[in-house]
N, C-alpha and C. Protein backbone atom coordinates (compact mmCIF):
# COMPACT_ATOMS: atom_id res chain seq x y z
N MET A 1 1.39 -2.62 10.89
CA MET A 1 0.62 -2.23 9.73
C MET A 1 -0.69 -3.00 9.72
N GLU A 2 -1.76 -2.32 9.36
CA GLU A 2 -3.10 -2.90 9.41
C GLU A 2 -3.27 -4.08 8.46
N LEU A 3 -2.67 -4.00 7.27
CA LEU A 3 -2.80 -5.09 6.31
C LEU A 3 -2.08 -6.34 6.79
N THR A 4 -0.97 -6.17 7.47
CA THR A 4 -0.26 -7.30 8.04
C THR A 4 -1.13 -7.98 9.09
N ARG A 5 -1.79 -7.20 9.90
CA ARG A 5 -2.69 -7.76 10.92
C ARG A 5 -3.82 -8.56 10.28
N LEU A 6 -4.35 -8.06 9.15
CA LEU A 6 -5.41 -8.79 8.45
C LEU A 6 -4.90 -10.15 7.98
N ARG A 7 -3.71 -10.17 7.38
CA ARG A 7 -3.15 -11.43 6.90
C ARG A 7 -2.91 -12.39 8.06
N GLU A 8 -2.44 -11.86 9.19
CA GLU A 8 -2.20 -12.71 10.35
C GLU A 8 -3.50 -13.30 10.87
N GLN A 9 -4.57 -12.51 10.91
CA GLN A 9 -5.84 -12.98 11.44
C GLN A 9 -6.57 -13.91 10.48
N PHE A 10 -6.55 -13.60 9.18
CA PHE A 10 -7.36 -14.35 8.23
C PHE A 10 -6.58 -15.31 7.34
N GLY A 11 -5.27 -15.24 7.38
CA GLY A 11 -4.44 -16.17 6.61
C GLY A 11 -4.78 -16.18 5.13
N ASP A 12 -4.96 -17.37 4.59
CA ASP A 12 -5.22 -17.54 3.16
C ASP A 12 -6.62 -17.13 2.74
N LYS A 13 -7.46 -16.77 3.67
CA LYS A 13 -8.81 -16.32 3.32
C LYS A 13 -8.81 -14.92 2.72
N VAL A 14 -7.67 -14.21 2.87
CA VAL A 14 -7.55 -12.83 2.39
C VAL A 14 -6.35 -12.73 1.47
N ALA A 15 -6.55 -12.08 0.34
CA ALA A 15 -5.45 -11.79 -0.58
C ALA A 15 -5.24 -10.28 -0.57
N ILE A 16 -4.02 -9.86 -0.29
CA ILE A 16 -3.69 -8.44 -0.31
C ILE A 16 -2.96 -8.17 -1.62
N ILE A 17 -3.51 -7.28 -2.41
CA ILE A 17 -2.88 -6.90 -3.67
C ILE A 17 -2.57 -5.42 -3.59
N TYR A 18 -1.30 -5.12 -3.66
CA TYR A 18 -0.85 -3.74 -3.54
C TYR A 18 -0.70 -3.15 -4.94
N LYS A 19 -1.20 -1.94 -5.12
CA LYS A 19 -1.05 -1.23 -6.39
C LYS A 19 -0.36 0.10 -6.10
N ASP A 20 0.58 0.45 -6.98
CA ASP A 20 1.26 1.73 -6.85
C ASP A 20 0.35 2.86 -7.29
N PHE A 21 0.43 3.97 -6.57
CA PHE A 21 -0.31 5.17 -6.95
C PHE A 21 0.50 6.39 -6.54
N PRO A 22 1.61 6.64 -7.27
CA PRO A 22 2.44 7.80 -6.94
C PRO A 22 1.68 9.10 -7.22
N LEU A 23 1.50 9.88 -6.21
CA LEU A 23 0.73 11.11 -6.34
C LEU A 23 1.56 12.21 -7.00
N PRO A 24 0.98 12.93 -7.96
CA PRO A 24 1.74 13.94 -8.68
C PRO A 24 2.25 15.09 -7.82
N MET A 25 1.60 15.33 -6.68
CA MET A 25 2.05 16.42 -5.82
C MET A 25 3.31 16.06 -5.04
N HIS A 26 3.70 14.79 -5.08
CA HIS A 26 4.93 14.32 -4.43
C HIS A 26 5.94 14.00 -5.52
N ALA A 27 6.85 14.90 -5.76
CA ALA A 27 7.78 14.81 -6.88
C ALA A 27 8.60 13.52 -6.88
N SER A 28 8.89 12.97 -5.74
CA SER A 28 9.74 11.78 -5.66
C SER A 28 8.96 10.47 -5.59
N SER A 29 7.64 10.54 -5.59
CA SER A 29 6.85 9.33 -5.37
C SER A 29 6.97 8.31 -6.50
N GLN A 30 7.10 8.74 -7.73
CA GLN A 30 7.24 7.81 -8.85
C GLN A 30 8.52 6.97 -8.68
N LYS A 31 9.64 7.64 -8.43
CA LYS A 31 10.91 6.92 -8.29
C LYS A 31 10.88 6.05 -7.03
N ALA A 32 10.23 6.49 -5.98
CA ALA A 32 10.13 5.69 -4.77
C ALA A 32 9.32 4.41 -5.02
N ALA A 33 8.24 4.53 -5.79
CA ALA A 33 7.45 3.35 -6.14
C ALA A 33 8.27 2.38 -6.98
N GLU A 34 9.03 2.93 -7.91
CA GLU A 34 9.90 2.09 -8.73
C GLU A 34 10.94 1.38 -7.86
N ALA A 35 11.50 2.11 -6.91
CA ALA A 35 12.52 1.53 -6.03
C ALA A 35 11.94 0.40 -5.19
N ALA A 36 10.72 0.57 -4.71
CA ALA A 36 10.09 -0.50 -3.92
C ALA A 36 9.91 -1.75 -4.77
N ARG A 37 9.56 -1.56 -6.03
CA ARG A 37 9.44 -2.72 -6.93
C ARG A 37 10.81 -3.35 -7.17
N CYS A 38 11.85 -2.54 -7.30
CA CYS A 38 13.20 -3.08 -7.46
C CYS A 38 13.59 -3.90 -6.23
N ALA A 39 13.24 -3.41 -5.06
CA ALA A 39 13.49 -4.16 -3.82
C ALA A 39 12.67 -5.45 -3.82
N GLY A 40 11.44 -5.36 -4.33
CA GLY A 40 10.58 -6.53 -4.41
C GLY A 40 11.16 -7.62 -5.30
N ALA A 41 11.88 -7.22 -6.33
CA ALA A 41 12.53 -8.21 -7.20
C ALA A 41 13.56 -9.03 -6.44
N GLN A 42 13.99 -8.50 -5.29
CA GLN A 42 14.94 -9.22 -4.43
C GLN A 42 14.27 -9.72 -3.15
N GLY A 43 12.94 -9.73 -3.15
CA GLY A 43 12.19 -10.28 -2.02
C GLY A 43 12.02 -9.37 -0.82
N LYS A 44 12.21 -8.06 -1.01
CA LYS A 44 12.13 -7.15 0.14
C LYS A 44 11.18 -5.98 -0.11
N PHE A 45 10.10 -6.21 -0.87
CA PHE A 45 9.18 -5.12 -1.17
C PHE A 45 8.63 -4.47 0.10
N TRP A 46 8.02 -5.28 0.98
CA TRP A 46 7.35 -4.70 2.14
C TRP A 46 8.33 -4.05 3.10
N GLU A 47 9.50 -4.61 3.27
CA GLU A 47 10.50 -4.00 4.15
C GLU A 47 10.90 -2.62 3.61
N PHE A 48 11.12 -2.57 2.30
CA PHE A 48 11.52 -1.31 1.66
C PHE A 48 10.36 -0.32 1.73
N HIS A 49 9.18 -0.75 1.36
CA HIS A 49 7.97 0.08 1.40
C HIS A 49 7.77 0.69 2.78
N ASP A 50 7.81 -0.16 3.80
CA ASP A 50 7.57 0.32 5.17
C ASP A 50 8.64 1.31 5.60
N SER A 51 9.87 1.07 5.20
CA SER A 51 10.95 1.99 5.54
C SER A 51 10.72 3.37 4.91
N LEU A 52 10.26 3.40 3.68
CA LEU A 52 9.99 4.68 3.03
C LEU A 52 8.95 5.49 3.80
N PHE A 53 7.92 4.80 4.28
CA PHE A 53 6.88 5.50 5.03
C PHE A 53 7.36 5.95 6.40
N GLU A 54 8.34 5.26 6.95
CA GLU A 54 8.90 5.66 8.24
C GLU A 54 9.86 6.83 8.10
N THR A 55 10.74 6.76 7.09
CA THR A 55 11.81 7.76 6.98
C THR A 55 11.44 8.96 6.12
N HIS A 56 10.56 8.76 5.16
CA HIS A 56 10.18 9.81 4.20
C HIS A 56 11.37 10.28 3.37
N LYS A 57 12.40 9.45 3.26
CA LYS A 57 13.58 9.77 2.45
C LYS A 57 13.38 9.16 1.07
N LEU A 58 13.03 10.01 0.10
CA LEU A 58 12.63 9.51 -1.21
C LEU A 58 13.53 9.94 -2.36
N GLN A 59 14.61 10.60 -2.06
CA GLN A 59 15.54 10.99 -3.12
C GLN A 59 16.33 9.75 -3.56
N VAL A 60 16.73 9.72 -4.82
CA VAL A 60 17.41 8.54 -5.36
C VAL A 60 18.60 8.09 -4.51
N PRO A 61 19.49 8.99 -4.06
CA PRO A 61 20.59 8.51 -3.21
C PRO A 61 20.09 7.85 -1.92
N ASP A 62 19.01 8.38 -1.36
CA ASP A 62 18.44 7.79 -0.15
C ASP A 62 17.84 6.41 -0.44
N LEU A 63 17.19 6.27 -1.59
CA LEU A 63 16.61 4.99 -1.97
C LEU A 63 17.70 3.93 -2.12
N LYS A 64 18.81 4.33 -2.73
CA LYS A 64 19.92 3.41 -2.92
C LYS A 64 20.57 3.06 -1.57
N ALA A 65 20.66 4.03 -0.69
CA ALA A 65 21.22 3.77 0.64
C ALA A 65 20.33 2.79 1.41
N GLU A 66 19.03 2.95 1.28
CA GLU A 66 18.10 2.06 1.98
C GLU A 66 18.23 0.63 1.45
N ALA A 67 18.45 0.48 0.15
CA ALA A 67 18.65 -0.85 -0.42
C ALA A 67 19.83 -1.54 0.24
N ARG A 68 20.87 -0.79 0.49
CA ARG A 68 22.04 -1.36 1.14
C ARG A 68 21.78 -1.67 2.62
N THR A 69 21.00 -0.80 3.27
CA THR A 69 20.63 -1.05 4.67
C THR A 69 19.87 -2.37 4.78
N LEU A 70 19.04 -2.66 3.78
CA LEU A 70 18.26 -3.90 3.79
C LEU A 70 19.05 -5.09 3.24
N LYS A 71 20.32 -4.87 2.96
CA LYS A 71 21.22 -5.93 2.48
C LYS A 71 20.81 -6.48 1.12
N LEU A 72 20.27 -5.59 0.27
CA LEU A 72 19.97 -5.99 -1.11
C LEU A 72 21.26 -5.97 -1.92
N ASP A 73 21.26 -6.64 -3.05
CA ASP A 73 22.37 -6.57 -3.99
C ASP A 73 22.36 -5.16 -4.57
N GLY A 74 23.29 -4.33 -4.11
CA GLY A 74 23.30 -2.91 -4.47
C GLY A 74 23.42 -2.66 -5.95
N ALA A 75 24.30 -3.39 -6.62
CA ALA A 75 24.50 -3.19 -8.07
C ALA A 75 23.23 -3.55 -8.83
N ARG A 76 22.61 -4.64 -8.45
CA ARG A 76 21.36 -5.06 -9.11
C ARG A 76 20.24 -4.05 -8.86
N PHE A 77 20.13 -3.58 -7.62
CA PHE A 77 19.12 -2.59 -7.29
C PHE A 77 19.35 -1.30 -8.08
N ASP A 78 20.59 -0.81 -8.09
CA ASP A 78 20.91 0.43 -8.80
C ASP A 78 20.59 0.30 -10.29
N GLN A 79 20.93 -0.83 -10.89
CA GLN A 79 20.65 -1.03 -12.30
C GLN A 79 19.15 -1.00 -12.56
N CYS A 80 18.40 -1.67 -11.72
CA CYS A 80 16.94 -1.69 -11.84
C CYS A 80 16.37 -0.28 -11.77
N LEU A 81 16.82 0.48 -10.79
CA LEU A 81 16.30 1.83 -10.59
C LEU A 81 16.78 2.79 -11.68
N ASP A 82 18.06 2.72 -12.02
CA ASP A 82 18.63 3.65 -12.99
C ASP A 82 18.13 3.42 -14.41
N THR A 83 17.84 2.18 -14.76
CA THR A 83 17.39 1.89 -16.13
C THR A 83 15.88 1.96 -16.29
N GLY A 84 15.16 2.13 -15.18
CA GLY A 84 13.70 2.25 -15.27
C GLY A 84 13.00 0.93 -15.52
N GLU A 85 13.59 -0.17 -15.06
CA GLU A 85 12.99 -1.49 -15.27
C GLU A 85 11.55 -1.59 -14.79
N THR A 86 11.21 -0.85 -13.74
CA THR A 86 9.87 -0.98 -13.15
C THR A 86 8.96 0.20 -13.48
N THR A 87 9.45 1.14 -14.27
CA THR A 87 8.66 2.34 -14.59
C THR A 87 7.32 2.00 -15.21
N ALA A 88 7.31 1.12 -16.20
CA ALA A 88 6.07 0.78 -16.91
C ALA A 88 5.05 0.15 -15.97
N ALA A 89 5.51 -0.72 -15.07
CA ALA A 89 4.59 -1.38 -14.13
C ALA A 89 3.95 -0.37 -13.18
N VAL A 90 4.74 0.59 -12.70
CA VAL A 90 4.20 1.62 -11.80
C VAL A 90 3.20 2.48 -12.57
N LYS A 91 3.53 2.85 -13.78
CA LYS A 91 2.61 3.68 -14.58
C LYS A 91 1.33 2.93 -14.91
N LYS A 92 1.41 1.62 -15.12
CA LYS A 92 0.22 0.81 -15.38
C LYS A 92 -0.72 0.85 -14.17
N ASP A 93 -0.15 0.70 -12.97
CA ASP A 93 -0.97 0.79 -11.75
C ASP A 93 -1.61 2.17 -11.62
N LEU A 94 -0.85 3.21 -11.93
CA LEU A 94 -1.36 4.57 -11.85
C LEU A 94 -2.53 4.77 -12.80
N GLU A 95 -2.41 4.27 -14.01
CA GLU A 95 -3.49 4.40 -14.99
C GLU A 95 -4.73 3.64 -14.53
N GLN A 96 -4.54 2.47 -13.95
CA GLN A 96 -5.67 1.71 -13.43
C GLN A 96 -6.37 2.49 -12.32
N ALA A 97 -5.61 3.09 -11.44
CA ALA A 97 -6.19 3.88 -10.35
C ALA A 97 -6.98 5.06 -10.90
N LYS A 98 -6.42 5.73 -11.90
CA LYS A 98 -7.14 6.85 -12.52
C LYS A 98 -8.43 6.38 -13.15
N HIS A 99 -8.38 5.24 -13.82
CA HIS A 99 -9.57 4.66 -14.47
C HIS A 99 -10.66 4.37 -13.43
N LEU A 100 -10.25 3.98 -12.24
CA LEU A 100 -11.20 3.71 -11.16
C LEU A 100 -11.71 4.99 -10.50
N GLY A 101 -11.14 6.13 -10.88
CA GLY A 101 -11.57 7.40 -10.31
C GLY A 101 -10.88 7.76 -9.01
N LEU A 102 -9.80 7.07 -8.67
CA LEU A 102 -9.10 7.37 -7.44
C LEU A 102 -8.28 8.65 -7.61
N THR A 103 -8.18 9.39 -6.54
CA THR A 103 -7.44 10.65 -6.58
C THR A 103 -6.40 10.77 -5.50
N GLY A 104 -6.28 9.78 -4.63
CA GLY A 104 -5.33 9.87 -3.54
C GLY A 104 -5.15 8.54 -2.83
N THR A 105 -4.41 8.58 -1.76
CA THR A 105 -4.13 7.37 -0.99
C THR A 105 -4.46 7.59 0.48
N PRO A 106 -4.73 6.53 1.22
CA PRO A 106 -4.91 5.14 0.80
C PRO A 106 -6.35 4.86 0.36
N SER A 107 -6.51 3.83 -0.43
CA SER A 107 -7.82 3.32 -0.83
C SER A 107 -7.80 1.81 -0.71
N PHE A 108 -8.93 1.25 -0.35
CA PHE A 108 -9.03 -0.19 -0.16
C PHE A 108 -10.28 -0.70 -0.86
N PHE A 109 -10.17 -1.90 -1.42
CA PHE A 109 -11.32 -2.60 -1.98
C PHE A 109 -11.36 -3.97 -1.34
N ALA A 110 -12.53 -4.38 -0.89
CA ALA A 110 -12.74 -5.73 -0.38
C ALA A 110 -13.91 -6.31 -1.15
N ASN A 111 -13.63 -7.19 -2.11
CA ASN A 111 -14.66 -7.75 -2.98
C ASN A 111 -15.51 -6.66 -3.61
N GLY A 112 -14.87 -5.60 -4.05
CA GLY A 112 -15.57 -4.51 -4.71
C GLY A 112 -16.10 -3.45 -3.75
N HIS A 113 -16.05 -3.70 -2.46
CA HIS A 113 -16.48 -2.71 -1.46
C HIS A 113 -15.35 -1.70 -1.28
N PHE A 114 -15.61 -0.45 -1.61
CA PHE A 114 -14.59 0.59 -1.60
C PHE A 114 -14.55 1.33 -0.27
N MET A 115 -13.34 1.52 0.25
CA MET A 115 -13.12 2.31 1.46
C MET A 115 -11.95 3.24 1.18
N SER A 116 -12.05 4.47 1.62
CA SER A 116 -10.95 5.40 1.39
C SER A 116 -10.53 6.06 2.69
N GLY A 117 -9.30 6.55 2.67
CA GLY A 117 -8.77 7.25 3.83
C GLY A 117 -8.11 6.31 4.80
N ALA A 118 -7.67 6.87 5.89
CA ALA A 118 -7.03 6.09 6.94
C ALA A 118 -8.11 5.32 7.69
N ILE A 119 -8.17 4.03 7.45
CA ILE A 119 -9.20 3.18 8.04
C ILE A 119 -8.61 2.45 9.23
N VAL A 120 -9.32 2.49 10.34
CA VAL A 120 -8.85 1.79 11.54
C VAL A 120 -8.97 0.29 11.34
N TYR A 121 -8.14 -0.46 12.03
CA TYR A 121 -8.11 -1.92 11.86
C TYR A 121 -9.48 -2.54 12.10
N ALA A 122 -10.18 -2.09 13.11
CA ALA A 122 -11.49 -2.69 13.43
C ALA A 122 -12.44 -2.60 12.23
N LYS A 123 -12.40 -1.50 11.51
CA LYS A 123 -13.27 -1.34 10.34
C LYS A 123 -12.82 -2.26 9.20
N LEU A 124 -11.52 -2.36 8.97
CA LEU A 124 -11.02 -3.27 7.94
C LEU A 124 -11.42 -4.71 8.27
N ARG A 125 -11.21 -5.10 9.52
CA ARG A 125 -11.54 -6.46 9.95
C ARG A 125 -13.03 -6.73 9.78
N GLU A 126 -13.85 -5.78 10.19
CA GLU A 126 -15.30 -5.93 10.09
C GLU A 126 -15.72 -6.10 8.62
N THR A 127 -15.13 -5.33 7.74
CA THR A 127 -15.46 -5.42 6.32
C THR A 127 -15.06 -6.78 5.76
N VAL A 128 -13.87 -7.25 6.11
CA VAL A 128 -13.43 -8.56 5.64
C VAL A 128 -14.35 -9.65 6.19
N GLU A 129 -14.69 -9.57 7.46
CA GLU A 129 -15.58 -10.57 8.04
C GLU A 129 -16.93 -10.58 7.32
N ALA A 130 -17.46 -9.40 7.01
CA ALA A 130 -18.74 -9.32 6.30
C ALA A 130 -18.61 -9.94 4.91
N GLU A 131 -17.51 -9.65 4.21
CA GLU A 131 -17.32 -10.20 2.87
C GLU A 131 -17.13 -11.71 2.89
N LEU A 132 -16.57 -12.23 3.97
CA LEU A 132 -16.38 -13.67 4.13
C LEU A 132 -17.62 -14.36 4.70
N GLY A 133 -18.64 -13.57 5.06
CA GLY A 133 -19.85 -14.13 5.64
C GLY A 133 -19.67 -14.61 7.06
N MET A 134 -18.73 -14.00 7.76
CA MET A 134 -18.44 -14.37 9.14
C MET A 134 -19.15 -13.42 10.10
N PRO A 135 -19.56 -13.91 11.26
CA PRO A 135 -20.09 -12.98 12.26
C PRO A 135 -18.97 -12.08 12.76
N SER A 136 -19.29 -10.84 13.03
CA SER A 136 -18.28 -9.89 13.49
C SER A 136 -17.74 -10.30 14.84
N THR A 137 -16.40 -10.20 15.00
CA THR A 137 -15.78 -10.54 16.28
C THR A 137 -15.58 -9.30 17.14
N SER A 138 -15.95 -8.15 16.60
CA SER A 138 -15.70 -6.91 17.31
C SER A 138 -16.93 -6.44 18.06
N LYS A 139 -16.81 -6.31 19.37
CA LYS A 139 -17.91 -5.77 20.15
C LYS A 139 -18.10 -4.30 19.87
N GLN A 140 -17.06 -3.66 19.36
CA GLN A 140 -17.12 -2.23 19.08
C GLN A 140 -17.41 -1.96 17.61
N SER A 141 -17.82 -3.00 16.84
CA SER A 141 -17.98 -2.81 15.41
C SER A 141 -19.05 -1.78 15.09
N VAL A 142 -20.13 -1.75 15.86
CA VAL A 142 -21.18 -0.77 15.62
C VAL A 142 -20.65 0.63 15.86
N ALA A 143 -19.89 0.81 16.95
CA ALA A 143 -19.31 2.11 17.26
C ALA A 143 -18.29 2.50 16.20
N ALA A 144 -17.49 1.56 15.73
CA ALA A 144 -16.48 1.86 14.71
C ALA A 144 -17.15 2.26 13.41
N THR A 145 -18.23 1.55 13.06
CA THR A 145 -18.94 1.88 11.83
C THR A 145 -19.55 3.27 11.93
N ALA A 146 -20.18 3.57 13.07
CA ALA A 146 -20.78 4.90 13.25
C ALA A 146 -19.72 5.98 13.17
N SER A 147 -18.58 5.72 13.79
CA SER A 147 -17.49 6.68 13.76
C SER A 147 -17.00 6.91 12.34
N MET A 148 -16.84 5.84 11.56
CA MET A 148 -16.37 5.96 10.19
C MET A 148 -17.40 6.67 9.31
N ASN A 149 -18.69 6.40 9.55
CA ASN A 149 -19.73 7.04 8.74
C ASN A 149 -19.83 8.53 9.01
N ASN A 150 -19.36 8.97 10.18
CA ASN A 150 -19.40 10.39 10.52
C ASN A 150 -18.13 11.12 10.14
N THR A 151 -17.17 10.39 9.58
CA THR A 151 -15.90 10.99 9.18
C THR A 151 -15.89 11.17 7.68
N ASN A 152 -15.54 12.35 7.22
CA ASN A 152 -15.47 12.61 5.79
C ASN A 152 -14.06 12.35 5.30
N ASN A 153 -13.80 11.12 4.84
CA ASN A 153 -12.48 10.74 4.34
C ASN A 153 -12.45 10.93 2.85
N THR A 154 -11.63 11.86 2.38
CA THR A 154 -11.54 12.11 0.95
C THR A 154 -10.22 11.64 0.36
N VAL A 155 -9.29 11.20 1.17
CA VAL A 155 -8.01 10.70 0.69
C VAL A 155 -8.20 9.26 0.27
N GLN A 156 -7.69 8.87 -0.90
CA GLN A 156 -7.96 7.54 -1.43
C GLN A 156 -6.70 6.86 -1.93
N LYS A 157 -6.77 5.56 -2.16
CA LYS A 157 -5.85 4.72 -2.96
C LYS A 157 -6.35 3.33 -2.96
């Protein structure tokens, strides 16, 4: 995952803040976002999140099965998901995204610099380096920037 690579390269110089943005055209996305937060309460947010993107299994029984695959406390996870413990937090993130004018995923902000769509690692790294005031380490940064500027990315988060 590109964000993991950024953390590995920049360490504490970069803070990654994930916000939920369940898209209305995906009927199961709200519950999936809630489930990831329930997994996060047990220290497995990213593992659960990444699994959802790999398997695309977003129905409640599948979410509960994945919790068990990740060795989460199943009863605690089920209670969290069934009672809607994380519903308000997911909706708060969604409202914030709407307020920012976002309409899709993925979207990235680096010190207020907005990027949308599937961004290649080289572009993310270059943006972080620029925001940190570092010289670019990418010999292909000019080519990556030109490529990104010629691509019409309308998907956001």
